[in-house]
N, C-alpha and C. Protein backbone atom coordinates (compact mmCIF):
# COMPACT_ATOMS: atom_id res chain seq x y z
N MET A 1 86.25 109.65 47.83
CA MET A 1 87.38 109.52 48.73
C MET A 1 87.35 108.37 49.75
N VAL A 2 86.02 108.24 50.36
CA VAL A 2 85.96 106.78 51.22
C VAL A 2 86.22 105.75 50.46
N GLU A 3 85.60 105.61 49.18
CA GLU A 3 85.77 104.35 48.39
C GLU A 3 87.01 104.32 48.04
N ILE A 4 87.86 105.33 47.73
CA ILE A 4 89.23 104.97 47.13
C ILE A 4 90.00 104.52 48.45
N ILE A 5 89.94 104.96 49.81
CA ILE A 5 90.56 104.39 50.94
C ILE A 5 89.88 102.98 51.19
N ARG A 6 88.68 102.71 51.13
CA ARG A 6 88.60 101.18 51.06
C ARG A 6 88.97 100.31 50.05
N ALA A 7 89.32 100.96 48.96
CA ALA A 7 89.65 100.10 47.85
C ALA A 7 91.20 99.88 47.96
N GLY A 8 91.93 100.59 48.71
CA GLY A 8 93.34 100.50 48.82
C GLY A 8 93.59 99.38 50.12
N GLY A 9 92.69 98.98 50.86
CA GLY A 9 92.93 97.99 51.68
C GLY A 9 93.08 98.38 53.25
N LEU A 10 93.60 97.43 54.15
CA LEU A 10 93.58 97.71 55.60
C LEU A 10 95.07 98.82 55.59
N LEU A 11 95.96 98.73 54.57
CA LEU A 11 97.04 99.49 54.99
C LEU A 11 97.11 101.04 54.60
N MET A 12 96.11 101.26 53.98
CA MET A 12 95.62 102.48 53.94
C MET A 12 95.61 103.45 55.19
N LEU A 13 95.13 102.59 56.41
CA LEU A 13 94.78 103.26 57.73
C LEU A 13 96.36 103.77 58.13
N PRO A 14 97.29 102.80 58.27
CA PRO A 14 98.50 103.64 58.73
C PRO A 14 99.19 104.76 57.90
N ILE A 15 98.94 104.45 56.65
CA ILE A 15 99.68 105.63 55.77
C ILE A 15 98.72 106.67 56.02
N ILE A 16 97.12 106.88 56.23
CA ILE A 16 96.60 108.00 56.55
C ILE A 16 97.18 108.50 58.02
N LEU A 17 97.40 107.52 58.83
CA LEU A 17 97.71 108.02 60.10
C LEU A 17 99.14 108.75 60.11
N CYS A 18 99.98 108.16 59.48
CA CYS A 18 101.31 108.83 58.86
C CYS A 18 101.18 110.22 58.56
N SER A 19 100.03 110.22 57.57
CA SER A 19 99.89 111.87 57.01
C SER A 19 99.36 112.74 57.76
N ILE A 20 98.63 112.25 58.70
CA ILE A 20 98.08 113.21 59.76
C ILE A 20 99.19 113.90 60.80
N VAL A 21 100.19 112.75 61.23
CA VAL A 21 101.08 112.92 62.22
C VAL A 21 102.14 114.00 61.30
N ALA A 22 102.57 113.61 60.29
CA ALA A 22 103.38 114.33 59.21
C ALA A 22 102.79 115.83 59.01
N ILE A 23 101.62 116.27 58.87
CA ILE A 23 100.83 117.50 58.53
C ILE A 23 101.03 118.03 60.21
N ALA A 24 100.74 117.38 61.01
CA ALA A 24 100.96 118.26 62.33
C ALA A 24 102.12 118.66 62.91
N ILE A 25 103.17 117.79 62.43
CA ILE A 25 104.74 118.11 62.79
C ILE A 25 105.21 119.46 61.61
N ILE A 26 104.71 119.30 60.57
CA ILE A 26 104.92 120.71 59.65
C ILE A 26 104.28 121.89 59.97
N ILE A 27 103.11 121.83 60.61
CA ILE A 27 102.57 123.04 61.21
C ILE A 27 103.28 123.51 62.07
N GLU A 28 103.72 122.51 63.20
CA GLU A 28 104.13 122.82 64.34
C GLU A 28 105.65 123.43 64.17
N ARG A 29 106.56 122.65 63.26
CA ARG A 29 107.75 123.14 63.04
C ARG A 29 107.80 124.64 62.42
N PHE A 30 106.83 124.83 61.43
CA PHE A 30 106.97 126.16 60.86
C PHE A 30 106.72 127.40 61.83
N TRP A 31 106.02 127.27 62.77
CA TRP A 31 105.80 128.09 63.85
C TRP A 31 106.81 127.96 64.82
N SER A 32 107.51 127.00 65.27
CA SER A 32 108.50 126.97 66.24
C SER A 32 109.85 127.47 65.62
N LEU A 33 110.20 127.02 64.31
CA LEU A 33 111.46 127.58 63.62
C LEU A 33 111.13 128.94 63.03
N SER A 34 110.23 129.54 63.36
CA SER A 34 110.50 131.19 62.63
C SER A 34 111.41 131.77 63.19
N GLY A 35 112.27 132.56 62.20
CA GLY A 35 113.71 133.25 62.53
C GLY A 35 113.19 134.39 63.44
N ALA A 36 112.16 135.05 63.63
CA ALA A 36 111.86 136.06 64.15
C ALA A 36 111.63 135.49 65.88
N ARG A 37 111.34 134.25 65.98
CA ARG A 37 111.17 133.78 67.19
C ARG A 37 112.44 133.06 67.80
N ILE A 38 113.29 132.57 66.94
CA ILE A 38 114.61 131.94 67.34
C ILE A 38 115.74 132.85 67.70
N SER A 39 115.80 133.82 66.63
CA SER A 39 116.76 134.72 66.81
C SER A 39 116.33 136.26 66.36
N PRO A 40 115.60 136.87 67.26
CA PRO A 40 115.04 138.10 67.01
C PRO A 40 116.24 139.11 66.76
N LYS A 41 116.13 139.91 65.93
CA LYS A 41 117.08 140.99 65.48
C LYS A 41 117.96 141.95 66.68
N TYR A 42 116.72 142.22 67.40
CA TYR A 42 116.63 143.31 68.28
C TYR A 42 117.41 143.03 69.80
N VAL A 43 117.54 141.63 69.84
CA VAL A 43 118.13 141.12 71.21
C VAL A 43 119.45 141.51 71.49
N LEU A 44 120.42 141.33 70.59
CA LEU A 44 121.96 141.61 70.93
C LEU A 44 121.89 143.07 71.12
N ALA A 45 121.04 144.08 70.25
CA ALA A 45 121.25 145.37 70.41
C ALA A 45 120.67 145.84 71.77
N GLN A 46 119.90 145.16 72.34
CA GLN A 46 119.16 145.41 73.60
C GLN A 46 120.07 144.91 74.61
N VAL A 47 120.82 143.98 74.56
CA VAL A 47 121.68 143.68 75.62
C VAL A 47 122.74 144.61 75.48
N TRP A 48 123.39 145.02 74.28
CA TRP A 48 124.40 146.22 74.32
C TRP A 48 124.11 147.36 75.13
N THR A 49 122.82 147.66 74.54
CA THR A 49 122.11 148.92 75.45
C THR A 49 122.39 148.71 76.80
N TRP A 50 121.80 147.73 77.42
CA TRP A 50 121.97 147.43 78.82
C TRP A 50 123.43 147.55 79.17
N LEU A 51 124.33 146.74 78.75
CA LEU A 51 125.82 147.07 79.15
C LEU A 51 126.41 148.13 79.21
N LYS A 52 126.21 149.14 78.01
CA LYS A 52 126.55 150.46 78.02
C LYS A 52 125.87 151.31 79.08
N ASN A 53 124.93 151.12 79.50
CA ASN A 53 124.11 151.65 80.30
C ASN A 53 124.09 151.21 81.90
N ASN A 54 125.03 150.38 81.87
CA ASN A 54 125.13 149.58 83.30
C ASN A 54 123.67 149.22 83.83
N GLN A 55 123.05 148.67 83.16
CA GLN A 55 121.38 148.42 83.58
C GLN A 55 121.38 146.87 83.64
N LEU A 56 122.42 146.10 83.28
CA LEU A 56 122.32 144.56 83.17
C LEU A 56 122.18 143.97 84.84
N ASP A 57 120.83 143.79 85.36
CA ASP A 57 120.90 143.22 86.61
C ASP A 57 120.33 141.44 86.37
N SER A 58 120.24 141.33 87.46
CA SER A 58 119.41 139.83 87.60
C SER A 58 118.10 139.74 86.84
N SER A 59 117.15 140.69 87.00
CA SER A 59 115.96 140.67 86.43
C SER A 59 115.83 140.80 84.76
N LYS A 60 116.89 141.54 84.55
CA LYS A 60 117.28 141.96 82.96
C LYS A 60 117.70 140.51 82.31
N LEU A 61 118.65 139.92 83.13
CA LEU A 61 118.98 138.58 82.59
C LEU A 61 117.83 137.37 82.60
N ARG A 62 116.86 137.61 83.34
CA ARG A 62 115.71 136.46 83.32
C ARG A 62 114.90 136.72 82.42
N GLU A 63 114.60 138.22 82.09
CA GLU A 63 113.78 138.70 81.06
C GLU A 63 114.55 138.32 79.62
N LEU A 64 115.64 138.44 79.49
CA LEU A 64 116.54 138.04 78.28
C LEU A 64 116.63 136.54 78.16
N ARG A 65 116.57 135.55 79.29
CA ARG A 65 116.60 134.01 78.92
C ARG A 65 115.31 133.79 78.35
N LEU A 66 114.22 134.43 79.06
CA LEU A 66 112.83 134.04 78.38
C LEU A 66 112.17 134.78 77.37
N SER A 67 113.12 135.44 76.60
CA SER A 67 112.60 136.33 75.42
C SER A 67 112.64 135.30 74.40
N SER A 68 113.75 134.44 74.05
CA SER A 68 113.86 133.74 72.92
C SER A 68 114.94 132.67 73.12
N PRO A 69 115.18 131.78 72.17
CA PRO A 69 116.33 130.84 72.37
C PRO A 69 117.79 131.73 72.15
N LEU A 70 117.77 132.70 71.50
CA LEU A 70 119.19 133.19 71.28
C LEU A 70 119.25 134.17 72.66
N GLY A 71 118.06 134.89 73.12
CA GLY A 71 118.38 135.49 74.54
C GLY A 71 118.72 134.45 75.70
N GLN A 72 118.29 133.05 75.57
CA GLN A 72 118.76 132.02 76.44
C GLN A 72 120.09 131.80 76.33
N ILE A 73 120.65 131.76 75.04
CA ILE A 73 122.00 131.56 74.81
C ILE A 73 122.96 132.63 75.45
N LEU A 74 122.37 134.15 75.19
CA LEU A 74 123.19 135.03 75.30
C LEU A 74 123.52 135.30 76.91
N ALA A 75 122.20 135.13 77.57
CA ALA A 75 122.00 135.10 78.92
C ALA A 75 122.99 133.98 79.60
N ALA A 76 123.11 132.90 79.13
CA ALA A 76 124.17 132.04 79.64
C ALA A 76 125.63 132.46 79.54
N GLY A 77 125.74 133.05 78.47
CA GLY A 77 127.09 133.76 78.10
C GLY A 77 127.73 134.87 79.08
N LEU A 78 126.59 135.62 79.33
CA LEU A 78 126.98 137.00 80.35
C LEU A 78 126.98 136.58 81.90
N LEU A 79 126.34 135.53 82.01
CA LEU A 79 126.36 134.87 83.58
C LEU A 79 127.97 134.27 83.53
N SER A 80 128.68 134.03 82.87
CA SER A 80 129.96 133.49 82.88
C SER A 80 131.19 134.28 81.99
N SER A 81 130.35 135.59 81.93
CA SER A 81 131.57 136.52 81.06
C SER A 81 132.53 136.96 82.18
N LYS A 82 132.26 136.97 83.33
CA LYS A 82 133.46 137.47 84.30
C LYS A 82 134.58 136.54 84.86
N TYR A 83 134.09 135.20 84.14
CA TYR A 83 135.28 134.29 84.56
C TYR A 83 136.32 134.17 83.23
N GLY A 84 136.11 135.13 82.22
CA GLY A 84 136.88 134.92 80.98
C GLY A 84 136.12 134.46 79.79
N ARG A 85 136.84 134.78 78.50
CA ARG A 85 136.49 134.48 77.36
C ARG A 85 136.12 133.00 77.25
N ALA A 86 136.94 132.03 77.78
CA ALA A 86 137.11 130.43 77.68
C ALA A 86 135.71 130.24 78.23
N ALA A 87 135.48 130.62 79.49
CA ALA A 87 134.42 130.21 80.23
C ALA A 87 132.90 130.54 79.68
N MET A 88 133.12 131.84 79.17
CA MET A 88 131.56 132.47 78.29
C MET A 88 131.62 131.55 77.28
N ILE A 89 132.37 131.21 76.45
CA ILE A 89 132.30 130.44 75.15
C ILE A 89 131.85 128.78 75.63
N GLU A 90 132.16 128.43 76.74
CA GLU A 90 131.70 126.96 76.99
C GLU A 90 130.13 127.20 77.49
N SER A 91 129.81 128.16 78.29
CA SER A 91 128.26 128.40 78.57
C SER A 91 127.45 128.57 77.65
N ILE A 92 128.11 129.30 76.37
CA ILE A 92 127.35 129.64 75.31
C ILE A 92 126.97 128.21 74.78
N GLU A 93 128.01 127.30 74.56
CA GLU A 93 127.99 126.09 73.76
C GLU A 93 127.01 125.11 74.51
N GLN A 94 127.14 125.08 75.88
CA GLN A 94 126.30 124.30 76.35
C GLN A 94 124.73 124.54 76.38
N ASP A 95 124.32 125.88 76.49
CA ASP A 95 122.96 126.23 76.27
C ASP A 95 122.48 126.06 74.91
N ALA A 96 123.53 126.42 73.81
CA ALA A 96 123.20 126.31 72.32
C ALA A 96 122.81 124.89 72.48
N ALA A 97 123.57 123.72 72.76
CA ALA A 97 123.49 122.16 72.47
C ALA A 97 121.57 122.25 72.97
N GLN A 98 121.29 122.69 74.00
CA GLN A 98 119.87 122.60 74.41
C GLN A 98 119.23 122.99 73.42
N VAL A 99 119.52 124.34 73.00
CA VAL A 99 118.47 125.13 71.85
C VAL A 99 118.39 124.31 70.76
N ILE A 100 119.72 123.71 70.26
CA ILE A 100 119.48 123.25 68.86
C ILE A 100 118.89 121.81 68.98
N HIS A 101 118.94 121.20 70.04
CA HIS A 101 118.10 119.98 70.41
C HIS A 101 116.62 120.31 70.35
N GLY A 102 116.19 121.12 70.75
CA GLY A 102 114.92 121.71 70.59
C GLY A 102 114.43 122.10 69.16
N MET A 103 115.24 122.67 68.44
CA MET A 103 115.09 123.22 67.21
C MET A 103 114.81 121.79 66.13
N GLU A 104 115.59 120.73 66.67
CA GLU A 104 115.45 119.47 65.96
C GLU A 104 114.40 118.40 66.31
N ARG A 105 113.69 119.05 67.22
CA ARG A 105 112.50 118.07 67.57
C ARG A 105 111.75 117.65 66.57
N TYR A 106 111.33 116.59 66.56
CA TYR A 106 110.34 115.99 65.70
C TYR A 106 110.88 115.66 64.13
N LEU A 107 111.92 116.20 64.04
CA LEU A 107 112.52 116.01 62.59
C LEU A 107 112.77 114.59 62.31
N ASN A 108 113.54 113.81 63.28
CA ASN A 108 113.64 112.53 63.14
C ASN A 108 112.30 111.62 62.68
N THR A 109 111.24 111.95 63.46
CA THR A 109 109.92 111.41 63.15
C THR A 109 109.45 111.84 61.72
N LEU A 110 109.74 113.28 61.33
CA LEU A 110 109.16 113.47 59.88
C LEU A 110 110.17 112.65 58.98
N GLY A 111 111.30 112.70 59.17
CA GLY A 111 112.06 111.73 58.35
C GLY A 111 112.00 110.12 58.28
N THR A 112 111.36 109.65 59.31
CA THR A 112 110.99 108.43 59.58
C THR A 112 109.56 108.07 58.72
N ILE A 113 108.84 109.05 58.91
CA ILE A 113 107.45 109.09 57.91
C ILE A 113 107.92 109.02 56.62
N ALA A 114 108.58 109.73 56.11
CA ALA A 114 109.20 109.96 54.75
C ALA A 114 109.69 108.59 54.22
N ALA A 115 110.16 107.89 54.90
CA ALA A 115 111.11 106.72 54.76
C ALA A 115 110.20 105.57 54.54
N ILE A 116 109.03 105.42 55.84
CA ILE A 116 108.36 104.27 55.99
C ILE A 116 107.00 104.18 55.01
N THR A 117 106.53 105.20 54.53
CA THR A 117 105.38 105.34 53.87
C THR A 117 105.46 104.61 52.50
N PRO A 118 106.48 104.85 51.96
CA PRO A 118 106.51 104.10 50.66
C PRO A 118 106.43 102.60 50.82
N LEU A 119 107.30 102.07 51.95
CA LEU A 119 107.36 100.82 52.25
C LEU A 119 105.90 100.18 52.52
N LEU A 120 104.93 101.06 53.38
CA LEU A 120 103.78 100.52 53.42
C LEU A 120 102.91 100.53 52.22
N GLY A 121 103.18 101.33 51.20
CA GLY A 121 102.33 101.36 50.02
C GLY A 121 102.91 100.12 49.43
N LEU A 122 104.25 100.00 49.36
CA LEU A 122 104.84 98.61 48.72
C LEU A 122 104.14 97.34 49.23
N LEU A 123 104.02 97.29 50.50
CA LEU A 123 103.51 96.24 51.20
C LEU A 123 102.15 95.95 50.84
N GLY A 124 101.12 97.19 50.67
CA GLY A 124 100.00 97.09 50.20
C GLY A 124 100.07 96.61 48.78
N THR A 125 101.06 96.78 48.03
CA THR A 125 101.10 96.45 46.63
C THR A 125 101.25 95.01 46.59
N VAL A 126 102.22 94.41 47.55
CA VAL A 126 102.15 92.97 47.78
C VAL A 126 100.72 92.20 47.99
N VAL A 127 100.52 92.73 49.14
CA VAL A 127 99.08 92.33 49.60
C VAL A 127 98.00 92.20 48.28
N GLY A 128 98.05 93.16 47.45
CA GLY A 128 96.85 93.30 46.55
C GLY A 128 97.22 92.28 45.42
N MET A 129 98.68 92.01 45.27
CA MET A 129 98.90 90.92 44.28
C MET A 129 98.75 89.76 44.61
N ILE A 130 99.01 89.59 45.78
CA ILE A 130 98.55 88.25 46.54
C ILE A 130 97.12 87.82 46.42
N ARG A 131 96.44 88.90 46.62
CA ARG A 131 94.83 88.58 46.65
C ARG A 131 94.63 88.12 45.03
N VAL A 132 95.17 89.06 44.06
CA VAL A 132 94.94 88.62 42.78
C VAL A 132 95.45 87.17 42.50
N PHE A 133 96.43 86.59 42.93
CA PHE A 133 96.89 85.20 42.28
C PHE A 133 96.06 84.29 43.16
N ASN A 134 95.58 84.78 44.35
CA ASN A 134 94.63 83.71 45.07
C ASN A 134 93.09 83.84 44.45
N GLU A 135 92.77 84.68 43.78
CA GLU A 135 91.60 84.66 42.96
C GLU A 135 91.90 83.82 41.70
N ILE A 136 93.01 84.15 41.20
CA ILE A 136 93.14 83.45 39.82
C ILE A 136 93.18 82.02 40.16
N MET A 137 93.95 81.46 41.26
CA MET A 137 93.94 80.13 41.70
C MET A 137 92.70 79.48 42.16
N LEU A 138 91.65 80.43 42.59
CA LEU A 138 90.23 79.82 42.91
C LEU A 138 89.30 79.89 41.80
N GLN A 139 89.11 80.76 41.02
CA GLN A 139 88.33 81.00 40.03
C GLN A 139 88.61 81.29 38.79
N GLY A 140 90.10 81.19 38.43
CA GLY A 140 90.52 81.60 37.14
C GLY A 140 90.86 82.74 36.89
N THR A 141 90.90 83.25 35.48
CA THR A 141 90.79 84.51 34.87
C THR A 141 89.67 84.97 34.56
N GLY A 142 88.51 84.36 34.66
CA GLY A 142 87.19 84.71 34.18
C GLY A 142 86.52 85.77 35.02
N ASN A 143 86.79 85.92 36.31
CA ASN A 143 86.41 86.66 37.26
C ASN A 143 86.88 88.19 37.30
N ALA A 144 86.56 89.10 36.34
CA ALA A 144 87.75 90.24 36.00
C ALA A 144 87.33 91.24 37.21
N ASN A 145 86.17 91.05 37.96
CA ASN A 145 85.92 91.92 38.90
C ASN A 145 86.68 91.75 40.35
N ALA A 146 86.88 90.65 40.48
CA ALA A 146 87.99 90.16 41.55
C ALA A 146 89.33 90.45 41.36
N LEU A 147 89.78 90.21 39.88
CA LEU A 147 90.90 90.50 39.66
C LEU A 147 91.03 92.02 39.78
N ALA A 148 90.17 92.81 39.32
CA ALA A 148 90.37 94.46 39.51
C ALA A 148 90.41 94.92 40.82
N GLY A 149 89.60 94.12 41.64
CA GLY A 149 89.76 94.70 42.93
C GLY A 149 91.16 94.30 43.75
N GLY A 150 91.72 93.37 43.50
CA GLY A 150 93.27 93.09 44.07
C GLY A 150 94.23 94.26 43.38
N ILE A 151 93.78 94.49 42.08
CA ILE A 151 94.90 95.21 41.58
C ILE A 151 94.81 96.73 41.94
N SER A 152 93.43 97.16 41.96
CA SER A 152 93.06 98.42 42.48
C SER A 152 93.79 98.68 43.89
N GLU A 153 93.82 97.45 44.75
CA GLU A 153 94.25 97.68 46.12
C GLU A 153 95.89 97.95 46.16
N ALA A 154 96.40 97.06 45.16
CA ALA A 154 97.78 97.25 45.00
C ALA A 154 98.29 98.58 44.56
N LEU A 155 97.37 99.30 43.43
CA LEU A 155 97.77 100.28 42.96
C LEU A 155 97.53 101.65 43.89
N ILE A 156 96.51 101.58 44.57
CA ILE A 156 95.99 102.73 45.39
C ILE A 156 96.87 102.81 46.62
N SER A 157 97.29 101.86 47.13
CA SER A 157 98.41 101.78 48.53
C SER A 157 99.50 102.40 47.65
N THR A 158 99.88 102.00 46.83
CA THR A 158 101.31 102.58 46.43
C THR A 158 101.18 104.06 46.30
N ALA A 159 100.29 104.54 45.28
CA ALA A 159 100.01 105.65 45.27
C ALA A 159 100.05 106.62 46.41
N ALA A 160 98.92 106.21 47.61
CA ALA A 160 98.90 106.87 48.76
C ALA A 160 100.15 106.86 49.45
N GLY A 161 101.03 105.82 49.52
CA GLY A 161 102.46 105.99 50.16
C GLY A 161 103.28 106.86 49.56
N LEU A 162 103.53 107.09 48.18
CA LEU A 162 104.05 107.91 47.50
C LEU A 162 103.62 109.35 47.74
N THR A 163 102.27 109.55 47.85
CA THR A 163 101.70 110.91 47.74
C THR A 163 102.09 111.53 49.22
N VAL A 164 102.18 110.84 50.29
CA VAL A 164 102.51 111.04 51.79
C VAL A 164 104.03 111.32 51.90
N ALA A 165 104.62 110.42 51.05
CA ALA A 165 106.05 110.49 51.38
C ALA A 165 107.02 111.44 50.88
N ILE A 166 106.60 111.96 49.34
CA ILE A 166 107.39 112.75 48.58
C ILE A 166 107.22 114.13 49.33
N PRO A 167 106.27 114.82 49.77
CA PRO A 167 106.12 116.11 50.37
C PRO A 167 106.68 116.13 51.55
N THR A 168 106.50 114.95 52.35
CA THR A 168 106.85 114.54 53.61
C THR A 168 108.62 114.79 53.64
N PHE A 169 109.02 113.95 52.62
CA PHE A 169 110.81 114.25 52.47
C PHE A 169 111.16 115.57 52.15
N MET A 170 110.41 116.48 51.50
CA MET A 170 110.84 117.86 50.94
C MET A 170 110.68 118.45 52.13
N PHE A 171 109.64 118.60 53.08
CA PHE A 171 109.73 119.54 54.12
C PHE A 171 110.55 118.79 55.22
N HIS A 172 110.90 117.61 55.17
CA HIS A 172 112.14 117.26 56.30
C HIS A 172 113.38 117.94 55.76
N ARG A 173 113.50 117.98 54.54
CA ARG A 173 114.99 118.65 53.90
C ARG A 173 115.02 119.91 54.28
N TYR A 174 113.80 120.67 54.15
CA TYR A 174 113.86 122.16 54.21
C TYR A 174 113.85 122.47 55.88
N PHE A 175 113.21 121.60 56.49
CA PHE A 175 113.51 122.13 58.05
C PHE A 175 114.80 121.85 58.44
N THR A 176 115.44 120.73 57.65
CA THR A 176 116.75 120.59 58.07
C THR A 176 117.84 121.73 58.00
N ARG A 177 117.49 122.18 56.46
CA ARG A 177 118.35 123.40 56.18
C ARG A 177 118.17 124.43 57.06
N LYS A 178 116.69 124.62 57.16
CA LYS A 178 116.30 125.88 58.14
C LYS A 178 117.18 126.00 59.44
N VAL A 179 117.16 124.58 60.18
CA VAL A 179 117.82 124.76 61.60
C VAL A 179 119.33 125.08 61.18
N ASP A 180 119.91 124.35 60.20
CA ASP A 180 121.32 124.87 59.83
C ASP A 180 121.63 126.35 59.94
N SER A 181 120.70 127.21 59.08
CA SER A 181 120.59 128.46 58.97
C SER A 181 120.55 129.12 60.17
N LEU A 182 119.51 128.61 61.13
CA LEU A 182 119.37 129.30 62.29
C LEU A 182 120.43 129.28 63.26
N VAL A 183 121.12 128.05 63.36
CA VAL A 183 122.40 127.67 64.05
C VAL A 183 123.10 128.90 63.84
N LEU A 184 123.64 128.84 62.38
CA LEU A 184 124.73 129.85 62.06
C LEU A 184 124.37 131.34 62.53
N ASP A 185 123.19 131.72 62.51
CA ASP A 185 122.74 132.87 63.01
C ASP A 185 122.82 133.05 64.49
N LEU A 186 122.41 131.94 65.27
CA LEU A 186 122.78 132.08 66.80
C LEU A 186 124.23 132.16 67.04
N GLU A 187 125.08 131.31 66.38
CA GLU A 187 126.52 131.46 66.46
C GLU A 187 127.09 132.68 65.97
N LEU A 188 126.84 133.53 65.18
CA LEU A 188 127.46 134.65 64.81
C LEU A 188 126.80 135.62 65.76
N GLU A 189 125.53 135.54 66.41
CA GLU A 189 125.33 136.48 67.19
C GLU A 189 125.89 136.24 68.54
N SER A 190 126.10 135.33 69.04
CA SER A 190 127.14 134.71 70.36
C SER A 190 128.31 135.29 70.15
N ILE A 191 128.87 135.11 68.91
CA ILE A 191 130.23 135.63 68.88
C ILE A 191 130.31 137.07 68.65
N LYS A 192 129.48 137.87 68.42
CA LYS A 192 129.44 139.06 68.44
C LYS A 192 129.50 139.61 69.92
N LEU A 193 128.65 139.01 70.81
CA LEU A 193 128.62 139.30 72.19
C LEU A 193 129.88 138.97 72.93
N VAL A 194 130.81 137.90 72.76
CA VAL A 194 132.12 137.56 73.23
C VAL A 194 132.99 138.38 72.68
N ASP A 195 132.94 138.75 71.55
CA ASP A 195 134.20 139.75 71.03
C ASP A 195 133.68 141.02 71.57
N ALA A 196 132.57 141.33 71.96
CA ALA A 196 132.44 142.74 72.41
C ALA A 196 132.91 142.92 73.94
N LEU A 197 132.68 141.74 74.59
CA LEU A 197 133.50 141.98 75.95
C LEU A 197 134.65 141.22 76.21
N HIS A 198 135.21 140.65 75.24
CA HIS A 198 136.48 139.85 75.44
C HIS A 198 137.33 140.06 74.25
N SER A 199 137.43 141.30 73.77
CA SER A 199 137.89 141.48 72.67
C SER A 199 138.33 143.08 72.50
N ASP A 200 139.74 143.11 71.84
CA ASP A 200 139.91 144.88 71.44
C ASP A 200 139.28 145.35 70.22
N ARG A 201 138.65 144.21 69.47
CA ARG A 201 137.97 144.68 68.21
C ARG A 201 136.60 145.29 68.48
N LYS A 202 136.47 146.30 67.54
CA LYS A 202 134.94 146.93 67.51
C LYS A 202 134.18 146.10 66.73
N VAL A 203 132.95 146.01 67.77
CA VAL A 203 132.00 144.92 67.25
C VAL A 203 130.77 145.94 66.73
N LYS A 204 130.21 145.66 65.46
CA LYS A 204 128.95 146.63 65.17
C LYS A 204 127.81 145.68 65.50
N VAL A 205 127.07 146.30 66.22
CA VAL A 205 125.71 145.77 66.58
C VAL A 205 124.79 146.58 66.15
N LYS A 206 123.83 146.17 65.55
CA LYS A 206 122.94 146.64 64.67
C LYS A 206 121.58 147.04 65.91
């Protein structure tokens, strides 16, 4: 493995660094974007129980806010619920924007890595081919070892760049869709609470 990295030239270093950063982000996002962590199923039912039993106070709101991102959004809505439906929705939207920003953290970095690693590999290809042509100019085509070194540098760096870029791009797309799905869940749960407090419709809370 070390020999392959050496054969790939200096541009293997930024490609390896990009791979390490990408792996760290992927692991962190898998943990952070867990559905059970972002939008636990029990939260709305717990809020509804507190409301029906007239147990909702400042300590319960603080507990709700700290429990999960969904709890943070619902707590913001409950604090503004006495001012009417429009004020409640506005508070929910403001806190939801902060939550969504947190869920999208590092995704731009992941997308950037997916975009630049093939370019780094391509740059390695260009550098390797320049080395090949320099050897041809200096020694002709008789030195096969020198030519093979430049060609291997070109091919290895390209392969390394694509090896990092392809899975990184796939994970970037996956996490983007995951965020969209979680945002929809947060929106549905929030609307249930708004309708329960400011609508005549019967809202089913599981």
